[in-house]
PDB file of N, CA and C in Angstrom:
ATOM      1  N   LEU A   1    -115.060  59.439  92.939  1.00  0.00           N
ATOM      2  CA  LEU A   1    -115.506  60.697  92.388  1.00  0.00           C
ATOM      3  C   LEU A   1    -114.361  61.298  91.577  1.00  0.00           C
ATOM      4  N   ARG A   2    -114.639  61.647  90.339  1.00  0.00           N
ATOM      5  CA  ARG A   2    -113.651  62.313  89.490  1.00  0.00           C
ATOM      6  C   ARG A   2    -114.227  63.636  89.019  1.00  0.00           C
ATOM      7  N   VAL A   3    -113.388  64.649  88.996  1.00  0.00           N
ATOM      8  CA  VAL A   3    -113.808  65.981  88.587  1.00  0.00           C
ATOM      9  C   VAL A   3    -112.911  66.430  87.443  1.00  0.00           C
ATOM     10  N   LEU A   4    -113.505  67.067  86.455  1.00  0.00           N
ATOM     11  CA  LEU A   4    -112.761  67.543  85.294  1.00  0.00           C
ATOM     12  C   LEU A   4    -113.248  68.934  84.931  1.00  0.00           C
ATOM     13  N   ALA A   5    -112.326  69.855  84.749  1.00  0.00           N
ATOM     14  CA  ALA A   5    -112.670  71.193  84.258  1.00  0.00           C
ATOM     15  C   ALA A   5    -112.549  71.145  82.740  1.00  0.00           C
ATOM     16  N   LEU A   6    -113.641  71.348  82.040  1.00  0.00           N
ATOM     17  CA  LEU A   6    -113.672  71.289  80.582  1.00  0.00           C
ATOM     18  C   LEU A   6    -113.789  72.703  80.021  1.00  0.00           C
ATOM     19  N   SER A   7    -112.884  73.048  79.108  1.00  0.00           N
ATOM     20  CA  SER A   7    -112.929  74.342  78.427  1.00  0.00           C
ATOM     21  C   SER A   7    -113.231  74.081  76.959  1.00  0.00           C
ATOM     22  N   PRO A   8    -114.504  74.120  76.590  1.00  0.00           N
ATOM     23  CA  PRO A   8    -114.833  73.852  75.188  1.00  0.00           C
ATOM     24  C   PRO A   8    -114.476  75.040  74.314  1.00  0.00           C
ATOM     25  N   GLY A   9    -114.057  74.753  73.114  1.00  0.00           N
ATOM     26  CA  GLY A   9    -113.828  75.816  72.135  1.00  0.00           C
ATOM     27  C   GLY A   9    -115.155  76.174  71.492  1.00  0.00           C
ATOM     28  N   LEU A  10    -115.097  76.694  70.269  1.00  0.00           N
ATOM     29  CA  LEU A  10    -116.323  77.012  69.549  1.00  0.00           C
ATOM     30  C   LEU A  10    -117.109  75.727  69.323  1.00  0.00           C
ATOM     31  N   THR A  11    -118.332  75.701  69.809  1.00  0.00           N
ATOM     32  CA  THR A  11    -119.173  74.515  69.698  1.00  0.00           C
ATOM     33  C   THR A  11    -120.429  74.876  68.934  1.00  0.00           C
ATOM     34  N   ARG A  12    -120.772  74.079  67.932  1.00  0.00           N
ATOM     35  CA  ARG A  12    -121.928  74.343  67.074  1.00  0.00           C
ATOM     36  C   ARG A  12    -123.198  74.161  67.893  1.00  0.00           C
ATOM     37  N   THR A  13    -123.729  75.275  68.385  1.00  0.00           N
ATOM     38  CA  THR A  13    -125.006  75.284  69.105  1.00  0.00           C
ATOM     39  C   THR A  13    -125.824  76.446  68.576  1.00  0.00           C
ATOM     40  N   GLU A  14    -127.055  76.534  69.015  1.00  0.00           N
ATOM     41  CA  GLU A  14    -127.923  77.624  68.578  1.00  0.00           C
ATOM     42  C   GLU A  14    -127.449  78.979  69.108  1.00  0.00           C
ATOM     43  N   PHE A  15    -126.546  78.986  70.083  1.00  0.00           N
ATOM     44  CA  PHE A  15    -126.030  80.242  70.623  1.00  0.00           C
ATOM     45  C   PHE A  15    -125.425  81.113  69.529  1.00  0.00           C
ATOM     46  N   PHE A  16    -124.679  80.514  68.605  1.00  0.00           N
ATOM     47  CA  PHE A  16    -123.982  81.269  67.568  1.00  0.00           C
ATOM     48  C   PHE A  16    -124.868  81.621  66.371  1.00  0.00           C
ATOM     49  N   ASP A  17    -126.022  81.005  66.247  1.00  0.00           N
ATOM     50  CA  ASP A  17    -126.873  81.236  65.082  1.00  0.00           C
ATOM     51  C   ASP A  17    -127.320  82.684  64.945  1.00  0.00           C
ATOM     52  N   GLY A  18    -127.570  83.367  66.045  1.00  0.00           N
ATOM     53  CA  GLY A  18    -128.084  84.728  65.968  1.00  0.00           C
ATOM     54  C   GLY A  18    -127.035  85.817  66.134  1.00  0.00           C
ATOM     55  N   LEU A  19    -125.777  85.457  66.266  1.00  0.00           N
ATOM     56  CA  LEU A  19    -124.730  86.445  66.490  1.00  0.00           C
ATOM     57  C   LEU A  19    -124.265  87.084  65.192  1.00  0.00           C
ATOM     58  N   ALA A  20    -124.524  88.346  65.022  1.00  0.00           N
ATOM     59  CA  ALA A  20    -123.988  89.156  63.916  1.00  0.00           C
ATOM     60  C   ALA A  20    -123.986  88.412  62.587  1.00  0.00           C
ATOM     61  N   GLY A  21    -125.066  87.751  62.287  1.00  0.00           N
ATOM     62  CA  GLY A  21    -125.161  87.058  61.004  1.00  0.00           C
ATOM     63  C   GLY A  21    -124.119  85.981  60.814  1.00  0.00           C
ATOM     64  N   GLY A  22    -123.756  85.273  61.892  1.00  0.00           N
ATOM     65  CA  GLY A  22    -122.771  84.213  61.772  1.00  0.00           C
ATOM     66  C   GLY A  22    -121.355  84.744  61.632  1.00  0.00           C
ATOM     67  N   ALA A  23    -120.977  85.714  62.471  1.00  0.00           N
ATOM     68  CA  ALA A  23    -119.665  86.361  62.368  1.00  0.00           C
ATOM     69  C   ALA A  23    -118.512  85.412  62.666  1.00  0.00           C
ATOM     70  N   TYR A  24    -118.778  84.303  63.319  1.00  0.00           N
ATOM     71  CA  TYR A  24    -117.713  83.360  63.661  1.00  0.00           C
ATOM     72  C   TYR A  24    -117.540  82.363  62.529  1.00  0.00           C
ATOM     73  N   ASN A  25    -116.367  82.387  61.918  1.00  0.00           N
ATOM     74  CA  ASN A  25    -116.086  81.486  60.796  1.00  0.00           C
ATOM     75  C   ASN A  25    -115.041  80.453  61.150  1.00  0.00           C
ATOM     76  N   GLY A  26    -114.718  80.313  62.412  1.00  0.00           N
ATOM     77  CA  GLY A  26    -113.681  79.382  62.832  1.00  0.00           C
ATOM     78  C   GLY A  26    -114.158  77.940  62.801  1.00  0.00           C
ATOM     79  N   ASP A  27    -113.285  77.074  63.240  1.00  0.00           N
ATOM     80  CA  ASP A  27    -113.609  75.650  63.304  1.00  0.00           C
ATOM     81  C   ASP A  27    -114.515  75.398  64.504  1.00  0.00           C
ATOM     82  N   TYR A  28    -115.693  74.895  64.230  1.00  0.00           N
ATOM     83  CA  TYR A  28    -116.625  74.529  65.287  1.00  0.00           C
ATOM     84  C   TYR A  28    -116.490  73.052  65.576  1.00  0.00           C
ATOM     85  N   GLU A  29    -116.756  72.675  66.796  1.00  0.00           N
ATOM     86  CA  GLU A  29    -116.897  71.279  67.148  1.00  0.00           C
ATOM     87  C   GLU A  29    -118.375  71.012  67.402  1.00  0.00           C
ATOM     88  N   THR A  30    -118.769  69.791  67.214  1.00  0.00           N
ATOM     89  CA  THR A  30    -120.139  69.428  67.555  1.00  0.00           C
ATOM     90  C   THR A  30    -120.183  69.155  69.063  1.00  0.00           C
ATOM     91  N   PRO A  31    -121.354  69.251  69.665  1.00  0.00           N
ATOM     92  CA  PRO A  31    -121.454  68.903  71.087  1.00  0.00           C
ATOM     93  C   PRO A  31    -120.964  67.479  71.362  1.00  0.00           C
ATOM     94  N   GLU A  32    -121.198  66.584  70.411  1.00  0.00           N
ATOM     95  CA  GLU A  32    -120.746  65.199  70.576  1.00  0.00           C
ATOM     96  C   GLU A  32    -119.218  65.118  70.648  1.00  0.00           C
ATOM     97  N   GLN A  33    -118.525  65.914  69.839  1.00  0.00           N
ATOM     98  CA  GLN A  33    -117.065  65.919  69.877  1.00  0.00           C
ATOM     99  C   GLN A  33    -116.550  66.446  71.214  1.00  0.00           C
ATOM    100  N   VAL A  34    -117.202  67.467  71.747  1.00  0.00           N
ATOM    101  CA  VAL A  34    -116.805  68.024  73.036  1.00  0.00           C
ATOM    102  C   VAL A  34    -116.994  66.983  74.132  1.00  0.00           C
ATOM    103  N   VAL A  35    -118.118  66.275  74.109  1.00  0.00           N
ATOM    104  CA  VAL A  35    -118.386  65.238  75.108  1.00  0.00           C
ATOM    105  C   VAL A  35    -117.359  64.113  74.989  1.00  0.00           C
ATOM    106  N   ARG A  36    -117.020  63.715  73.753  1.00  0.00           N
ATOM    107  CA  ARG A  36    -116.001  62.668  73.558  1.00  0.00           C
ATOM    108  C   ARG A  36    -114.662  63.088  74.165  1.00  0.00           C
ATOM    109  N   THR A  37    -114.287  64.354  73.955  1.00  0.00           N
ATOM    110  CA  THR A  37    -113.038  64.866  74.520  1.00  0.00           C
ATOM    111  C   THR A  37    -113.064  64.772  76.040  1.00  0.00           C
ATOM    112  N   ALA A  38    -114.176  65.174  76.644  1.00  0.00           N
ATOM    113  CA  ALA A  38    -114.309  65.138  78.100  1.00  0.00           C
ATOM    114  C   ALA A  38    -114.265  63.698  78.622  1.00  0.00           C
ATOM    115  N   MET A  39    -114.980  62.802  77.970  1.00  0.00           N
ATOM    116  CA  MET A  39    -115.025  61.412  78.424  1.00  0.00           C
ATOM    117  C   MET A  39    -113.657  60.740  78.300  1.00  0.00           C
ATOM    118  N   ARG A  40    -112.941  61.033  77.207  1.00  0.00           N
ATOM    119  CA  ARG A  40    -111.587  60.486  77.027  1.00  0.00           C
ATOM    120  C   ARG A  40    -110.668  60.965  78.153  1.00  0.00           C
ATOM    121  N   ALA A  41    -110.772  62.267  78.482  1.00  0.00           N
ATOM    122  CA  ALA A  41    -109.937  62.821  79.551  1.00  0.00           C
ATOM    123  C   ALA A  41    -110.277  62.184  80.895  1.00  0.00           C
ATOM    124  N   LEU A  42    -111.562  61.966  81.148  1.00  0.00           N
ATOM    125  CA  LEU A  42    -111.962  61.317  82.399  1.00  0.00           C
ATOM    126  C   LEU A  42    -111.476  59.874  82.451  1.00  0.00           C
ATOM    127  N   ASP A  43    -111.555  59.175  81.329  1.00  0.00           N
ATOM    128  CA  ASP A  43    -111.091  57.787  81.284  1.00  0.00           C
ATOM    129  C   ASP A  43    -109.596  57.688  81.549  1.00  0.00           C
ATOM    130  N   ARG A  44    -108.838  58.637  81.013  1.00  0.00           N
ATOM    131  CA  ARG A  44    -107.384  58.635  81.218  1.00  0.00           C
ATOM    132  C   ARG A  44    -107.028  59.041  82.639  1.00  0.00           C
ATOM    133  N   GLY A  45    -107.822  59.953  83.212  1.00  0.00           N
ATOM    134  CA  GLY A  45    -107.660  60.334  84.603  1.00  0.00           C
ATOM    135  C   GLY A  45    -106.367  61.041  84.957  1.00  0.00           C
ATOM    136  N   ARG A  46    -105.664  61.572  83.977  1.00  0.00           N
ATOM    137  CA  ARG A  46    -104.365  62.179  84.257  1.00  0.00           C
ATOM    138  C   ARG A  46    -104.443  63.675  84.538  1.00  0.00           C
ATOM    139  N   LEU A  47    -105.322  64.375  83.884  1.00  0.00           N
ATOM    140  CA  LEU A  47    -105.344  65.830  83.972  1.00  0.00           C
ATOM    141  C   LEU A  47    -106.588  66.330  84.694  1.00  0.00           C
ATOM    142  N   PRO A  48    -106.443  67.394  85.480  1.00  0.00           N
ATOM    143  CA  PRO A  48    -107.624  67.959  86.144  1.00  0.00           C
ATOM    144  C   PRO A  48    -108.450  68.836  85.213  1.00  0.00           C
ATOM    145  N   SER A  49    -107.870  69.188  84.056  1.00  0.00           N
ATOM    146  CA  SER A  49    -108.601  70.030  83.114  1.00  0.00           C
ATOM    147  C   SER A  49    -108.212  69.658  81.693  1.00  0.00           C
ATOM    148  N   VAL A  50    -109.112  69.985  80.746  1.00  0.00           N
ATOM    149  CA  VAL A  50    -108.857  69.707  79.343  1.00  0.00           C
ATOM    150  C   VAL A  50    -109.529  70.789  78.508  1.00  0.00           C
ATOM    151  N   ALA A  51    -108.867  71.167  77.424  1.00  0.00           N
ATOM    152  CA  ALA A  51    -109.430  72.131  76.479  1.00  0.00           C
ATOM    153  C   ALA A  51    -109.836  71.359  75.227  1.00  0.00           C
ATOM    154  N   SER A  52    -111.015  71.637  74.728  1.00  0.00           N
ATOM    155  CA  SER A  52    -111.537  70.954  73.560  1.00  0.00           C
ATOM    156  C   SER A  52    -111.417  71.854  72.337  1.00  0.00           C
ATOM    157  N   GLY A  53    -111.010  71.295  71.224  1.00  0.00           N
ATOM    158  CA  GLY A  53    -110.857  72.072  69.999  1.00  0.00           C
ATOM    159  C   GLY A  53    -109.405  72.483  69.793  1.00  0.00           C
ATOM    160  N   ARG A  54    -108.950  72.434  68.535  1.00  0.00           N
ATOM    161  CA  ARG A  54    -107.539  72.719  68.242  1.00  0.00           C
ATOM    162  C   ARG A  54    -107.103  74.113  68.669  1.00  0.00           C
ATOM    163  N   ALA A  55    -107.829  75.135  68.251  1.00  0.00           N
ATOM    164  CA  ALA A  55    -107.437  76.506  68.579  1.00  0.00           C
ATOM    165  C   ALA A  55    -107.478  76.740  70.090  1.00  0.00           C
ATOM    166  N   ASN A  56    -108.456  76.160  70.749  1.00  0.00           N
ATOM    167  CA  ASN A  56    -108.596  76.312  72.193  1.00  0.00           C
ATOM    168  C   ASN A  56    -107.434  75.627  72.923  1.00  0.00           C
ATOM    169  N   ARG A  57    -107.051  74.429  72.469  1.00  0.00           N
ATOM    170  CA  ARG A  57    -105.912  73.733  73.082  1.00  0.00           C
ATOM    171  C   ARG A  57    -104.620  74.528  72.886  1.00  0.00           C
ATOM    172  N   LEU A  58    -104.449  75.081  71.686  1.00  0.00           N
ATOM    173  CA  LEU A  58    -103.260  75.889  71.404  1.00  0.00           C
ATOM    174  C   LEU A  58    -103.217  77.107  72.325  1.00  0.00           C
ATOM    175  N   ALA A  59    -104.330  77.791  72.444  1.00  0.00           N
ATOM    176  CA  ALA A  59    -104.385  78.973  73.302  1.00  0.00           C
ATOM    177  C   ALA A  59    -104.096  78.614  74.766  1.00  0.00           C
ATOM    178  N   ALA A  60    -104.511  77.424  75.191  1.00  0.00           N
ATOM    179  CA  ALA A  60    -104.259  76.990  76.564  1.00  0.00           C
ATOM    180  C   ALA A  60    -102.787  76.670  76.800  1.00  0.00           C
ATOM    181  N   LEU A  61    -102.082  76.257  75.748  1.00  0.00           N
ATOM    182  CA  LEU A  61    -100.662  75.910  75.886  1.00  0.00           C
ATOM    183  C   LEU A  61     -99.721  77.113  75.760  1.00  0.00           C
ATOM    184  N   LEU A  62    -100.160  78.161  75.111  1.00  0.00           N
ATOM    185  CA  LEU A  62     -99.290  79.307  74.841  1.00  0.00           C
ATOM    186  C   LEU A  62     -98.573  79.861  76.075  1.00  0.00           C
ATOM    187  N   PRO A  63     -99.254  80.057  77.192  1.00  0.00           N
ATOM    188  CA  PRO A  63     -98.564  80.650  78.349  1.00  0.00           C
ATOM    189  C   PRO A  63     -97.389  79.820  78.867  1.00  0.00           C
ATOM    190  N   ARG A  64     -97.353  78.547  78.546  1.00  0.00           N
ATOM    191  CA  ARG A  64     -96.237  77.701  78.990  1.00  0.00           C
ATOM    192  C   ARG A  64     -94.940  78.032  78.264  1.00  0.00           C
ATOM    193  N   PHE A  65     -95.071  78.552  77.040  1.00  0.00           N
ATOM    194  CA  PHE A  65     -93.902  78.724  76.197  1.00  0.00           C
ATOM    195  C   PHE A  65     -93.601  80.174  75.816  1.00  0.00           C
ATOM    196  N   LEU A  66     -94.556  81.059  75.992  1.00  0.00           N
ATOM    197  CA  LEU A  66     -94.387  82.438  75.545  1.00  0.00           C
ATOM    198  C   LEU A  66     -94.570  83.417  76.696  1.00  0.00           C
ATOM    199  N   THR A  67     -94.093  84.629  76.489  1.00  0.00           N
ATOM    200  CA  THR A  67     -94.335  85.676  77.475  1.00  0.00           C
ATOM    201  C   THR A  67     -95.821  86.041  77.462  1.00  0.00           C
ATOM    202  N   ARG A  68     -96.263  86.715  78.481  1.00  0.00           N
ATOM    203  CA  ARG A  68     -97.662  87.129  78.558  1.00  0.00           C
ATOM    204  C   ARG A  68     -98.042  88.011  77.366  1.00  0.00           C
ATOM    205  N   ARG A  69     -97.159  88.933  77.008  1.00  0.00           N
ATOM    206  CA  ARG A  69     -97.429  89.839  75.881  1.00  0.00           C
ATOM    207  C   ARG A  69     -97.593  89.067  74.577  1.00  0.00           C
ATOM    208  N   ARG A  70     -96.679  88.152  74.309  1.00  0.00           N
ATOM    209  CA  ARG A  70     -96.764  87.349  73.074  1.00  0.00           C
ATOM    210  C   ARG A  70     -98.011  86.458  73.073  1.00  0.00           C
ATOM    211  N   THR A  71     -98.375  85.934  74.234  1.00  0.00           N
ATOM    212  CA  THR A  71     -99.585  85.114  74.342  1.00  0.00           C
ATOM    213  C   THR A  71    -100.822  85.922  73.970  1.00  0.00           C
ATOM    214  N   VAL A  72    -100.911  87.150  74.473  1.00  0.00           N
ATOM    215  CA  VAL A  72    -102.059  88.011  74.173  1.00  0.00           C
ATOM    216  C   VAL A  72    -102.114  88.315  72.676  1.00  0.00           C
ATOM    217  N   ILE A  73    -100.961  88.647  72.092  1.00  0.00           N
ATOM    218  CA  ILE A  73    -100.923  88.978  70.662  1.00  0.00           C
ATOM    219  C   ILE A  73    -101.338  87.778  69.822  1.00  0.00           C
ATOM    220  N   LEU A  74    -100.777  86.604  70.106  1.00  0.00           N
ATOM    221  CA  LEU A  74    -101.102  85.413  69.314  1.00  0.00           C
ATOM    222  C   LEU A  74    -102.548  84.979  69.524  1.00  0.00           C
ATOM    223  N   SER A  75    -103.036  85.044  70.758  1.00  0.00           N
ATOM    224  CA  SER A  75    -104.434  84.693  71.020  1.00  0.00           C
ATOM    225  C   SER A  75    -105.381  85.635  70.280  1.00  0.00           C
ATOM    226  N   GLY A  76    -105.036  86.918  70.246  1.00  0.00           N
ATOM    227  CA  GLY A  76    -105.847  87.888  69.499  1.00  0.00           C
ATOM    228  C   GLY A  76    -105.861  87.570  68.020  1.00  0.00           C
ATOM    229  N   SER A  77    -104.730  87.132  67.491  1.00  0.00           N
ATOM    230  CA  SER A  77    -104.652  86.755  66.080  1.00  0.00           C
ATOM    231  C   SER A  77    -105.535  85.543  65.787  1.00  0.00           C
ATOM    232  N   ILE A  78    -105.496  84.553  66.663  1.00  0.00           N
ATOM    233  CA  ILE A  78    -106.334  83.352  66.496  1.00  0.00           C
ATOM    234  C   ILE A  78    -107.808  83.731  66.555  1.00  0.00           C
ATOM    235  N   THR A  79    -108.167  84.577  67.521  1.00  0.00           N
ATOM    236  CA  THR A  79    -109.554  85.016  67.660  1.00  0.00           C
ATOM    237  C   THR A  79    -110.001  85.810  66.445  1.00  0.00           C
ATOM    238  N   SER A  80    -109.139  86.669  65.951  1.00  0.00           N
ATOM    239  CA  SER A  80    -109.466  87.474  64.774  1.00  0.00           C
ATOM    240  C   SER A  80    -109.744  86.592  63.569  1.00  0.00           C
ATOM    241  N   ARG A  81    -108.921  85.567  63.379  1.00  0.00           N
ATOM    242  CA  ARG A  81    -109.138  84.657  62.246  1.00  0.00           C
ATOM    243  C   ARG A  81    -110.442  83.891  62.375  1.00  0.00           C
ATOM    244  N   SER A  82    -110.782  83.482  63.610  1.00  0.00           N
ATOM    245  CA  SER A  82    -112.023  82.734  63.789  1.00  0.00           C
ATOM    246  C   SER A  82    -113.248  83.615  63.606  1.00  0.00           C
ATOM    247  N   ARG A  83    -113.052  84.933  63.675  1.00  0.00           N
ATOM    248  CA  ARG A  83    -114.163  85.869  63.471  1.00  0.00           C
ATOM    249  C   ARG A  83    -114.203  86.361  62.039  1.00  0.00           C
ATOM    250  N   GLY A  84    -113.496  85.717  61.141  1.00  0.00           N
ATOM    251  CA  GLY A  84    -113.510  86.106  59.747  1.00  0.00           C
ATOM    252  C   GLY A  84    -112.613  87.293  59.454  1.00  0.00           C
ATOM    253  N   GLY A  85    -111.537  87.461  60.238  1.00  0.00           N
ATOM    254  CA  GLY A  85    -110.588  88.532  59.996  1.00  0.00           C
ATOM    255  C   GLY A  85    -110.953  89.844  60.649  1.00  0.00           C
ATOM    256  N   GLN A  86    -112.095  89.907  61.302  1.00  0.00           N
ATOM    257  CA  GLN A  86    -112.529  91.135  61.957  1.00  0.00           C
ATOM    258  C   GLN A  86    -111.834  91.237  63.307  1.00  0.00           C
ATOM    259  N   ALA A  87    -111.196  92.350  63.565  1.00  0.00           N
ATOM    260  CA  ALA A  87    -110.503  92.541  64.833  1.00  0.00           C
ATOM    261  C   ALA A  87    -111.493  92.561  65.971  1.00  0.00           C
ATOM    262  N   VAL A  88    -111.070  92.076  67.103  1.00  0.00           N
ATOM    263  CA  VAL A  88    -111.921  92.060  68.291  1.00  0.00           C
ATOM    264  C   VAL A  88    -112.262  93.491  68.668  1.00  0.00           C
ATOM    265  N   GLY A  89    -113.541  93.748  68.856  1.00  0.00           N
ATOM    266  CA  GLY A  89    -114.007  95.069  69.227  1.00  0.00           C
ATOM    267  C   GLY A  89    -114.170  96.023  68.052  1.00  0.00           C
ATOM    268  N   ALA A  90    -113.877  95.569  66.840  1.00  0.00           N
ATOM    269  CA  ALA A  90    -113.998  96.440  65.680  1.00  0.00           C
ATOM    270  C   ALA A  90    -115.453  96.561  65.278  1.00  0.00           C
ATOM    271  N   ALA A  91    -115.856  97.735  64.881  1.00  0.00           N
ATOM    272  CA  ALA A  91    -117.224  97.954  64.428  1.00  0.00           C
ATOM    273  C   ALA A  91    -117.356  97.431  63.002  1.00  0.00           C
ATOM    274  N   GLY A  92    -118.500  96.890  62.687  1.00  0.00           N
ATOM    275  CA  GLY A  92    -118.643  96.409  61.332  1.00  0.00           C
ATOM    276  C   GLY A  92    -119.995  96.012  61.093  1.00  0.00           C
TER     277      GLY A  92
END
């Protein structure tokens, strides 16, 4: 029995189709790419968890190298860019 915690990034599904007229402009992965990432991680068997997608992997690594404050600031910047430059929680 092998168990893997998968943290998918933005994945192209119908979930995002109705959100604020497509407010997310970041890099999407297809469901197939997410599954490939998970299967590769299971085949390697080294890690108990894996993050799928470039921005998601970067955000998962930040706490290892930065302070909590810097991690929050940089993660907010990444999220803002993926939302088309709109700040999180900003009205628009």
